[in-house]
Amino acid sequence: MRIHHTKHHGTYVNNVNLALEKHADLSGKSAEDLLREISRLPDAIRTAVRNNGGGHVNHSMFWAIMTPTGGGEPTGAIADALKSTLGATGPSRTS
């Protein structure tokens, strides 16, 4: 996990920061905001922000749910989509 944190997640953070270095107007925005407005970003940094900002957001979520009490059962539209695709029976979670 240490390698995953320092190499993978750390690289995503470093790369998105490098992409934003020459764009002070964007550097104060969160990764989520940058991704939400990806079509408004300059072409020169759009791919780097999408790939690395997305990697950062995904890894941040990963760390939050990788705890004994993290995550939980999905709810709402995602739960409905999983149930309709995979069926009501699936792996059960145990405490």
PDB file of N, CA and C in Angstrom:
ATOM      1  N   MET A   1       0.813  -1.184   0.000  1.00  0.00           N
ATOM      2  CA  MET A   1       0.000   0.000   0.000  1.00  0.00           C
ATOM      3  C   MET A   1       0.866   1.261   0.000  1.00  0.00           C
ATOM      4  N   ARG A   2       2.013   1.167   0.643  1.00  0.00           N
ATOM      5  CA  ARG A   2       2.899   2.340   0.676  1.00  0.00           C
ATOM      6  C   ARG A   2       3.321   2.712  -0.747  1.00  0.00           C
ATOM      7  N   ILE A   3       3.692   1.710  -1.533  1.00  0.00           N
ATOM      8  CA  ILE A   3       4.081   1.973  -2.930  1.00  0.00           C
ATOM      9  C   ILE A   3       2.903   2.541  -3.697  1.00  0.00           C
ATOM     10  N   HIS A   4       1.741   1.984  -3.472  1.00  0.00           N
ATOM     11  CA  HIS A   4       0.549   2.466  -4.165  1.00  0.00           C
ATOM     12  C   HIS A   4       0.292   3.936  -3.818  1.00  0.00           C
ATOM     13  N   HIS A   5       0.475   4.275  -2.546  1.00  0.00           N
ATOM     14  CA  HIS A   5       0.248   5.646  -2.109  1.00  0.00           C
ATOM     15  C   HIS A   5       1.305   6.591  -2.654  1.00  0.00           C
ATOM     16  N   THR A   6       2.576   6.246  -2.486  1.00  0.00           N
ATOM     17  CA  THR A   6       3.644   7.173  -2.868  1.00  0.00           C
ATOM     18  C   THR A   6       3.894   7.203  -4.368  1.00  0.00           C
ATOM     19  N   LYS A   7       3.879   6.059  -4.997  1.00  0.00           N
ATOM     20  CA  LYS A   7       4.183   6.012  -6.431  1.00  0.00           C
ATOM     21  C   LYS A   7       2.975   6.387  -7.276  1.00  0.00           C
ATOM     22  N   HIS A   8       1.880   5.692  -7.077  1.00  0.00           N
ATOM     23  CA  HIS A   8       0.714   5.916  -7.933  1.00  0.00           C
ATOM     24  C   HIS A   8       0.012   7.227  -7.599  1.00  0.00           C
ATOM     25  N   HIS A   9      -0.503   7.310  -6.380  1.00  0.00           N
ATOM     26  CA  HIS A   9      -1.260   8.498  -6.009  1.00  0.00           C
ATOM     27  C   HIS A   9      -0.367   9.734  -6.016  1.00  0.00           C
ATOM     28  N   GLY A  10       0.824   9.606  -5.504  1.00  0.00           N
ATOM     29  CA  GLY A  10       1.752  10.733  -5.493  1.00  0.00           C
ATOM     30  C   GLY A  10       2.082  11.244  -6.883  1.00  0.00           C
ATOM     31  N   THR A  11       2.223  10.326  -7.828  1.00  0.00           N
ATOM     32  CA  THR A  11       2.510  10.719  -9.206  1.00  0.00           C
ATOM     33  C   THR A  11       1.339  11.476  -9.817  1.00  0.00           C
ATOM     34  N   TYR A  12       0.116  11.028  -9.539  1.00  0.00           N
ATOM     35  CA  TYR A  12      -1.056  11.747 -10.051  1.00  0.00           C
ATOM     36  C   TYR A  12      -1.080  13.177  -9.528  1.00  0.00           C
ATOM     37  N   VAL A  13      -0.841  13.334  -8.249  1.00  0.00           N
ATOM     38  CA  VAL A  13      -0.854  14.676  -7.642  1.00  0.00           C
ATOM     39  C   VAL A  13       0.247  15.546  -8.244  1.00  0.00           C
ATOM     40  N   ASN A  14       1.460  15.014  -8.340  1.00  0.00           N
ATOM     41  CA  ASN A  14       2.572  15.778  -8.909  1.00  0.00           C
ATOM     42  C   ASN A  14       2.292  16.179 -10.354  1.00  0.00           C
ATOM     43  N   ASN A  15       1.752  15.257 -11.140  1.00  0.00           N
ATOM     44  CA  ASN A  15       1.515  15.552 -12.556  1.00  0.00           C
ATOM     45  C   ASN A  15       0.413  16.582 -12.769  1.00  0.00           C
ATOM     46  N   VAL A  16      -0.637  16.515 -11.988  1.00  0.00           N
ATOM     47  CA  VAL A  16      -1.687  17.530 -12.158  1.00  0.00           C
ATOM     48  C   VAL A  16      -1.164  18.890 -11.695  1.00  0.00           C
ATOM     49  N   ASN A  17      -0.356  18.920 -10.652  1.00  0.00           N
ATOM     50  CA  ASN A  17       0.237  20.190 -10.210  1.00  0.00           C
ATOM     51  C   ASN A  17       1.167  20.761 -11.270  1.00  0.00           C
ATOM     52  N   LEU A  18       1.943  19.904 -11.921  1.00  0.00           N
ATOM     53  CA  LEU A  18       2.811  20.366 -13.013  1.00  0.00           C
ATOM     54  C   LEU A  18       1.984  20.943 -14.164  1.00  0.00           C
ATOM     55  N   ALA A  19       0.892  20.292 -14.482  1.00  0.00           N
ATOM     56  CA  ALA A  19       0.039  20.774 -15.573  1.00  0.00           C
ATOM     57  C   ALA A  19      -0.538  22.152 -15.257  1.00  0.00           C
ATOM     58  N   LEU A  20      -0.762  22.425 -13.984  1.00  0.00           N
ATOM     59  CA  LEU A  20      -1.390  23.689 -13.578  1.00  0.00           C
ATOM     60  C   LEU A  20      -0.397  24.811 -13.291  1.00  0.00           C
ATOM     61  N   GLU A  21       0.897  24.499 -13.307  1.00  0.00           N
ATOM     62  CA  GLU A  21       1.913  25.494 -12.938  1.00  0.00           C
ATOM     63  C   GLU A  21       1.786  26.824 -13.671  1.00  0.00           C
ATOM     64  N   LYS A  22       1.493  26.793 -14.944  1.00  0.00           N
ATOM     65  CA  LYS A  22       1.428  28.022 -15.741  1.00  0.00           C
ATOM     66  C   LYS A  22       0.008  28.582 -15.820  1.00  0.00           C
ATOM     67  N   HIS A  23      -0.878  28.086 -14.979  1.00  0.00           N
ATOM     68  CA  HIS A  23      -2.280  28.507 -15.008  1.00  0.00           C
ATOM     69  C   HIS A  23      -2.728  28.867 -13.593  1.00  0.00           C
ATOM     70  N   ALA A  24      -2.205  29.988 -13.102  1.00  0.00           N
ATOM     71  CA  ALA A  24      -2.493  30.420 -11.731  1.00  0.00           C
ATOM     72  C   ALA A  24      -3.983  30.548 -11.473  1.00  0.00           C
ATOM     73  N   ASP A  25      -4.743  30.897 -12.493  1.00  0.00           N
ATOM     74  CA  ASP A  25      -6.184  31.054 -12.329  1.00  0.00           C
ATOM     75  C   ASP A  25      -6.886  29.727 -12.029  1.00  0.00           C
ATOM     76  N   LEU A  26      -6.228  28.617 -12.325  1.00  0.00           N
ATOM     77  CA  LEU A  26      -6.825  27.303 -12.090  1.00  0.00           C
ATOM     78  C   LEU A  26      -6.277  26.614 -10.846  1.00  0.00           C
ATOM     79  N   SER A  27      -5.144  27.060 -10.359  1.00  0.00           N
ATOM     80  CA  SER A  27      -4.449  26.333  -9.289  1.00  0.00           C
ATOM     81  C   SER A  27      -5.223  26.297  -7.981  1.00  0.00           C
ATOM     82  N   GLY A  28      -6.138  27.205  -7.758  1.00  0.00           N
ATOM     83  CA  GLY A  28      -6.925  27.203  -6.526  1.00  0.00           C
ATOM     84  C   GLY A  28      -8.146  26.315  -6.573  1.00  0.00           C
ATOM     85  N   LYS A  29      -8.423  25.726  -7.718  1.00  0.00           N
ATOM     86  CA  LYS A  29      -9.616  24.887  -7.858  1.00  0.00           C
ATOM     87  C   LYS A  29      -9.339  23.469  -7.384  1.00  0.00           C
ATOM     88  N   SER A  30     -10.365  22.832  -6.877  1.00  0.00           N
ATOM     89  CA  SER A  30     -10.221  21.440  -6.458  1.00  0.00           C
ATOM     90  C   SER A  30     -10.156  20.543  -7.698  1.00  0.00           C
ATOM     91  N   ALA A  31      -9.657  19.349  -7.515  1.00  0.00           N
ATOM     92  CA  ALA A  31      -9.605  18.389  -8.623  1.00  0.00           C
ATOM     93  C   ALA A  31     -11.012  18.118  -9.144  1.00  0.00           C
ATOM     94  N   GLU A  32     -11.968  18.027  -8.247  1.00  0.00           N
ATOM     95  CA  GLU A  32     -13.346  17.777  -8.659  1.00  0.00           C
ATOM     96  C   GLU A  32     -13.877  18.909  -9.530  1.00  0.00           C
ATOM     97  N   ASP A  33     -13.575  20.151  -9.133  1.00  0.00           N
ATOM     98  CA  ASP A  33     -14.019  21.298  -9.935  1.00  0.00           C
ATOM     99  C   ASP A  33     -13.349  21.312 -11.301  1.00  0.00           C
ATOM    100  N   LEU A  34     -12.061  21.019 -11.332  1.00  0.00           N
ATOM    101  CA  LEU A  34     -11.347  20.977 -12.615  1.00  0.00           C
ATOM    102  C   LEU A  34     -11.950  19.919 -13.537  1.00  0.00           C
ATOM    103  N   LEU A  35     -12.243  18.758 -12.978  1.00  0.00           N
ATOM    104  CA  LEU A  35     -12.807  17.680 -13.797  1.00  0.00           C
ATOM    105  C   LEU A  35     -14.235  18.005 -14.234  1.00  0.00           C
ATOM    106  N   ARG A  36     -14.991  18.635 -13.361  1.00  0.00           N
ATOM    107  CA  ARG A  36     -16.372  19.007 -13.682  1.00  0.00           C
ATOM    108  C   ARG A  36     -16.398  19.993 -14.856  1.00  0.00           C
ATOM    109  N   GLU A  37     -15.370  20.822 -14.957  1.00  0.00           N
ATOM    110  CA  GLU A  37     -15.299  21.844 -16.001  1.00  0.00           C
ATOM    111  C   GLU A  37     -14.204  21.528 -17.017  1.00  0.00           C
ATOM    112  N   ILE A  38     -13.951  20.249 -17.248  1.00  0.00           N
ATOM    113  CA  ILE A  38     -12.833  19.823 -18.089  1.00  0.00           C
ATOM    114  C   ILE A  38     -12.881  20.434 -19.487  1.00  0.00           C
ATOM    115  N   SER A  39     -14.060  20.618 -20.045  1.00  0.00           N
ATOM    116  CA  SER A  39     -14.151  21.164 -21.408  1.00  0.00           C
ATOM    117  C   SER A  39     -13.732  22.632 -21.476  1.00  0.00           C
ATOM    118  N   ARG A  40     -13.665  23.308 -20.346  1.00  0.00           N
ATOM    119  CA  ARG A  40     -13.261  24.721 -20.312  1.00  0.00           C
ATOM    120  C   ARG A  40     -11.757  24.905 -20.128  1.00  0.00           C
ATOM    121  N   LEU A  41     -11.046  23.819 -19.853  1.00  0.00           N
ATOM    122  CA  LEU A  41      -9.599  23.926 -19.630  1.00  0.00           C
ATOM    123  C   LEU A  41      -8.865  24.099 -20.953  1.00  0.00           C
ATOM    124  N   PRO A  42      -7.707  24.736 -20.914  1.00  0.00           N
ATOM    125  CA  PRO A  42      -6.905  24.865 -22.140  1.00  0.00           C
ATOM    126  C   PRO A  42      -6.567  23.478 -22.698  1.00  0.00           C
ATOM    127  N   ASP A  43      -6.594  23.366 -24.025  1.00  0.00           N
ATOM    128  CA  ASP A  43      -6.301  22.086 -24.686  1.00  0.00           C
ATOM    129  C   ASP A  43      -4.974  21.497 -24.228  1.00  0.00           C
ATOM    130  N   ALA A  44      -3.984  22.348 -24.004  1.00  0.00           N
ATOM    131  CA  ALA A  44      -2.633  21.882 -23.679  1.00  0.00           C
ATOM    132  C   ALA A  44      -2.565  21.104 -22.363  1.00  0.00           C
ATOM    133  N   ILE A  45      -3.507  21.329 -21.458  1.00  0.00           N
ATOM    134  CA  ILE A  45      -3.451  20.641 -20.160  1.00  0.00           C
ATOM    135  C   ILE A  45      -4.649  19.736 -19.908  1.00  0.00           C
ATOM    136  N   ARG A  46      -5.601  19.735 -20.802  1.00  0.00           N
ATOM    137  CA  ARG A  46      -6.849  18.995 -20.570  1.00  0.00           C
ATOM    138  C   ARG A  46      -6.609  17.503 -20.302  1.00  0.00           C
ATOM    139  N   THR A  47      -5.806  16.856 -21.113  1.00  0.00           N
ATOM    140  CA  THR A  47      -5.572  15.416 -20.938  1.00  0.00           C
ATOM    141  C   THR A  47      -4.831  15.136 -19.633  1.00  0.00           C
ATOM    142  N   ALA A  48      -3.829  15.934 -19.325  1.00  0.00           N
ATOM    143  CA  ALA A  48      -3.071  15.735 -18.084  1.00  0.00           C
ATOM    144  C   ALA A  48      -3.965  15.917 -16.865  1.00  0.00           C
ATOM    145  N   VAL A  49      -4.825  16.922 -16.895  1.00  0.00           N
ATOM    146  CA  VAL A  49      -5.728  17.155 -15.766  1.00  0.00           C
ATOM    147  C   VAL A  49      -6.759  16.035 -15.681  1.00  0.00           C
ATOM    148  N   ARG A  50      -7.301  15.624 -16.808  1.00  0.00           N
ATOM    149  CA  ARG A  50      -8.296  14.544 -16.795  1.00  0.00           C
ATOM    150  C   ARG A  50      -7.695  13.257 -16.244  1.00  0.00           C
ATOM    151  N   ASN A  51      -6.561  12.852 -16.778  1.00  0.00           N
ATOM    152  CA  ASN A  51      -5.963  11.581 -16.372  1.00  0.00           C
ATOM    153  C   ASN A  51      -5.417  11.626 -14.944  1.00  0.00           C
ATOM    154  N   ASN A  52      -4.660  12.643 -14.630  1.00  0.00           N
ATOM    155  CA  ASN A  52      -4.025  12.716 -13.317  1.00  0.00           C
ATOM    156  C   ASN A  52      -4.964  13.227 -12.241  1.00  0.00           C
ATOM    157  N   GLY A  53      -5.788  14.198 -12.575  1.00  0.00           N
ATOM    158  CA  GLY A  53      -6.795  14.658 -11.607  1.00  0.00           C
ATOM    159  C   GLY A  53      -7.793  13.550 -11.310  1.00  0.00           C
ATOM    160  N   GLY A  54      -8.185  12.825 -12.346  1.00  0.00           N
ATOM    161  CA  GLY A  54      -9.086  11.689 -12.150  1.00  0.00           C
ATOM    162  C   GLY A  54      -8.443  10.601 -11.312  1.00  0.00           C
ATOM    163  N   GLY A  55      -7.161  10.339 -11.560  1.00  0.00           N
ATOM    164  CA  GLY A  55      -6.442   9.353 -10.758  1.00  0.00           C
ATOM    165  C   GLY A  55      -6.372   9.762  -9.301  1.00  0.00           C
ATOM    166  N   HIS A  56      -6.156  11.045  -9.068  1.00  0.00           N
ATOM    167  CA  HIS A  56      -6.114  11.558  -7.694  1.00  0.00           C
ATOM    168  C   HIS A  56      -7.475  11.388  -7.009  1.00  0.00           C
ATOM    169  N   VAL A  57      -8.539  11.772  -7.689  1.00  0.00           N
ATOM    170  CA  VAL A  57      -9.883  11.665  -7.101  1.00  0.00           C
ATOM    171  C   VAL A  57     -10.214  10.198  -6.808  1.00  0.00           C
ATOM    172  N   ASN A  58      -9.926   9.319  -7.754  1.00  0.00           N
ATOM    173  CA  ASN A  58     -10.207   7.897  -7.544  1.00  0.00           C
ATOM    174  C   ASN A  58      -9.405   7.334  -6.380  1.00  0.00           C
ATOM    175  N   HIS A  59      -8.134   7.706  -6.283  1.00  0.00           N
ATOM    176  CA  HIS A  59      -7.315   7.206  -5.184  1.00  0.00           C
ATOM    177  C   HIS A  59      -7.762   7.788  -3.846  1.00  0.00           C
ATOM    178  N   SER A  60      -8.184   9.025  -3.834  1.00  0.00           N
ATOM    179  CA  SER A  60      -8.683   9.614  -2.592  1.00  0.00           C
ATOM    180  C   SER A  60      -9.896   8.849  -2.092  1.00  0.00           C
ATOM    181  N   MET A  61     -10.786   8.483  -3.003  1.00  0.00           N
ATOM    182  CA  MET A  61     -11.952   7.689  -2.637  1.00  0.00           C
ATOM    183  C   MET A  61     -11.500   6.304  -2.146  1.00  0.00           C
ATOM    184  N   PHE A  62     -10.534   5.710  -2.839  1.00  0.00           N
ATOM    185  CA  PHE A  62     -10.000   4.407  -2.467  1.00  0.00           C
ATOM    186  C   PHE A  62      -9.512   4.406  -1.026  1.00  0.00           C
ATOM    187  N   TRP A  63      -8.722   5.423  -0.658  1.00  0.00           N
ATOM    188  CA  TRP A  63      -8.197   5.473   0.711  1.00  0.00           C
ATOM    189  C   TRP A  63      -9.325   5.626   1.720  1.00  0.00           C
ATOM    190  N   ALA A  64     -10.343   6.383   1.376  1.00  0.00           N
ATOM    191  CA  ALA A  64     -11.453   6.605   2.309  1.00  0.00           C
ATOM    192  C   ALA A  64     -12.258   5.333   2.563  1.00  0.00           C
ATOM    193  N   ILE A  65     -12.363   4.464   1.571  1.00  0.00           N
ATOM    194  CA  ILE A  65     -13.183   3.262   1.748  1.00  0.00           C
ATOM    195  C   ILE A  65     -12.384   2.044   2.191  1.00  0.00           C
ATOM    196  N   MET A  66     -11.067   2.153   2.193  1.00  0.00           N
ATOM    197  CA  MET A  66     -10.229   1.017   2.579  1.00  0.00           C
ATOM    198  C   MET A  66     -10.008   0.986   4.087  1.00  0.00           C
ATOM    199  N   THR A  67     -11.083   1.028   4.824  1.00  0.00           N
ATOM    200  CA  THR A  67     -11.041   0.913   6.275  1.00  0.00           C
ATOM    201  C   THR A  67     -12.077  -0.124   6.678  1.00  0.00           C
ATOM    202  N   PRO A  68     -11.970  -0.664   7.867  1.00  0.00           N
ATOM    203  CA  PRO A  68     -12.962  -1.667   8.289  1.00  0.00           C
ATOM    204  C   PRO A  68     -14.400  -1.159   8.231  1.00  0.00           C
ATOM    205  N   THR A  69     -14.591   0.138   8.417  1.00  0.00           N
ATOM    206  CA  THR A  69     -15.947   0.685   8.387  1.00  0.00           C
ATOM    207  C   THR A  69     -16.187   1.560   7.163  1.00  0.00           C
ATOM    208  N   GLY A  70     -15.247   1.597   6.251  1.00  0.00           N
ATOM    209  CA  GLY A  70     -15.372   2.443   5.069  1.00  0.00           C
ATOM    210  C   GLY A  70     -16.313   1.853   4.043  1.00  0.00           C
ATOM    211  N   GLY A  71     -16.746   2.690   3.150  1.00  0.00           N
ATOM    212  CA  GLY A  71     -17.577   2.230   2.046  1.00  0.00           C
ATOM    213  C   GLY A  71     -19.015   2.054   2.442  1.00  0.00           C
ATOM    214  N   GLY A  72     -19.433   0.826   2.561  1.00  0.00           N
ATOM    215  CA  GLY A  72     -20.824   0.537   2.857  1.00  0.00           C
ATOM    216  C   GLY A  72     -21.525   0.074   1.588  1.00  0.00           C
ATOM    217  N   GLU A  73     -22.745  -0.279   1.752  1.00  0.00           N
ATOM    218  CA  GLU A  73     -23.532  -0.738   0.612  1.00  0.00           C
ATOM    219  C   GLU A  73     -23.890   0.452  -0.263  1.00  0.00           C
ATOM    220  N   PRO A  74     -23.863   0.280  -1.584  1.00  0.00           N
ATOM    221  CA  PRO A  74     -24.258   1.376  -2.467  1.00  0.00           C
ATOM    222  C   PRO A  74     -25.738   1.684  -2.304  1.00  0.00           C
ATOM    223  N   THR A  75     -26.092   2.912  -2.599  1.00  0.00           N
ATOM    224  CA  THR A  75     -27.481   3.346  -2.510  1.00  0.00           C
ATOM    225  C   THR A  75     -27.863   4.092  -3.771  1.00  0.00           C
ATOM    226  N   GLY A  76     -29.130   4.341  -3.941  1.00  0.00           N
ATOM    227  CA  GLY A  76     -29.617   5.169  -5.035  1.00  0.00           C
ATOM    228  C   GLY A  76     -29.449   4.533  -6.399  1.00  0.00           C
ATOM    229  N   ALA A  77     -29.176   5.381  -7.391  1.00  0.00           N
ATOM    230  CA  ALA A  77     -29.104   4.940  -8.785  1.00  0.00           C
ATOM    231  C   ALA A  77     -28.010   3.901  -9.005  1.00  0.00           C
ATOM    232  N   ILE A  78     -26.875   4.052  -8.337  1.00  0.00           N
ATOM    233  CA  ILE A  78     -25.800   3.079  -8.531  1.00  0.00           C
ATOM    234  C   ILE A  78     -26.203   1.717  -7.974  1.00  0.00           C
ATOM    235  N   ALA A  79     -26.892   1.691  -6.840  1.00  0.00           N
ATOM    236  CA  ALA A  79     -27.374   0.424  -6.276  1.00  0.00           C
ATOM    237  C   ALA A  79     -28.379  -0.225  -7.229  1.00  0.00           C
ATOM    238  N   ASP A  80     -29.276   0.573  -7.788  1.00  0.00           N
ATOM    239  CA  ASP A  80     -30.260   0.041  -8.731  1.00  0.00           C
ATOM    240  C   ASP A  80     -29.581  -0.532  -9.969  1.00  0.00           C
ATOM    241  N   ALA A  81     -28.576   0.168 -10.483  1.00  0.00           N
ATOM    242  CA  ALA A  81     -27.868  -0.309 -11.670  1.00  0.00           C
ATOM    243  C   ALA A  81     -27.124  -1.608 -11.374  1.00  0.00           C
ATOM    244  N   LEU A  82     -26.506  -1.691 -10.217  1.00  0.00           N
ATOM    245  CA  LEU A  82     -25.801  -2.919  -9.844  1.00  0.00           C
ATOM    246  C   LEU A  82     -26.768  -4.086  -9.702  1.00  0.00           C
ATOM    247  N   LYS A  83     -27.902  -3.839  -9.057  1.00  0.00           N
ATOM    248  CA  LYS A  83     -28.889  -4.899  -8.873  1.00  0.00           C
ATOM    249  C   LYS A  83     -29.470  -5.360 -10.197  1.00  0.00           C
ATOM    250  N   SER A  84     -29.731  -4.414 -11.099  1.00  0.00           N
ATOM    251  CA  SER A  84     -30.320  -4.813 -12.380  1.00  0.00           C
ATOM    252  C   SER A  84     -29.310  -5.530 -13.264  1.00  0.00           C
ATOM    253  N   THR A  85     -28.044  -5.195 -13.120  1.00  0.00           N
ATOM    254  CA  THR A  85     -27.000  -5.833 -13.922  1.00  0.00           C
ATOM    255  C   THR A  85     -26.535  -7.148 -13.310  1.00  0.00           C
ATOM    256  N   LEU A  86     -26.295  -7.142 -12.009  1.00  0.00           N
ATOM    257  CA  LEU A  86     -25.714  -8.295 -11.343  1.00  0.00           C
ATOM    258  C   LEU A  86     -26.723  -9.161 -10.597  1.00  0.00           C
ATOM    259  N   GLY A  87     -27.934  -8.648 -10.432  1.00  0.00           N
ATOM    260  CA  GLY A  87     -28.948  -9.376  -9.681  1.00  0.00           C
ATOM    261  C   GLY A  87     -28.932  -8.989  -8.226  1.00  0.00           C
ATOM    262  N   ALA A  88     -29.977  -9.365  -7.550  1.00  0.00           N
ATOM    263  CA  ALA A  88     -30.126  -8.994  -6.133  1.00  0.00           C
ATOM    264  C   ALA A  88     -29.167  -9.778  -5.264  1.00  0.00           C
ATOM    265  N   THR A  89     -28.748 -10.940  -5.738  1.00  0.00           N
ATOM    266  CA  THR A  89     -27.817 -11.710  -4.919  1.00  0.00           C
ATOM    267  C   THR A  89     -26.404 -11.466  -5.412  1.00  0.00           C
ATOM    268  N   GLY A  90     -25.568 -11.261  -4.544  1.00  0.00           N
ATOM    269  CA  GLY A  90     -24.167 -11.034  -4.852  1.00  0.00           C
ATOM    270  C   GLY A  90     -23.364 -11.322  -3.606  1.00  0.00           C
ATOM    271  N   PRO A  91     -22.135 -10.988  -3.629  1.00  0.00           N
ATOM    272  CA  PRO A  91     -21.331 -11.234  -2.427  1.00  0.00           C
ATOM    273  C   PRO A  91     -21.907 -10.472  -1.246  1.00  0.00           C
ATOM    274  N   SER A  92     -21.993 -11.124  -0.136  1.00  0.00           N
ATOM    275  CA  SER A  92     -22.493 -10.430   1.048  1.00  0.00           C
ATOM    276  C   SER A  92     -21.315  -9.943   1.863  1.00  0.00           C
ATOM    277  N   ARG A  93     -21.525  -8.866   2.544  1.00  0.00           N
ATOM    278  CA  ARG A  93     -20.485  -8.293   3.392  1.00  0.00           C
ATOM    279  C   ARG A  93     -20.691  -8.792   4.804  1.00  0.00           C
ATOM    280  N   THR A  94     -19.627  -9.109   5.453  1.00  0.00           N
ATOM    281  CA  THR A  94     -19.703  -9.490   6.855  1.00  0.00           C
ATOM    282  C   THR A  94     -18.922  -8.503   7.672  1.00  0.00           C
ATOM    283  N   SER A  95     -19.319  -8.352   8.895  1.00  0.00           N
ATOM    284  CA  SER A  95     -18.635  -7.413   9.790  1.00  0.00           C
ATOM    285  C   SER A  95     -17.384  -8.006  10.349  1.00  0.00           C
TER     286      SER A  95
END
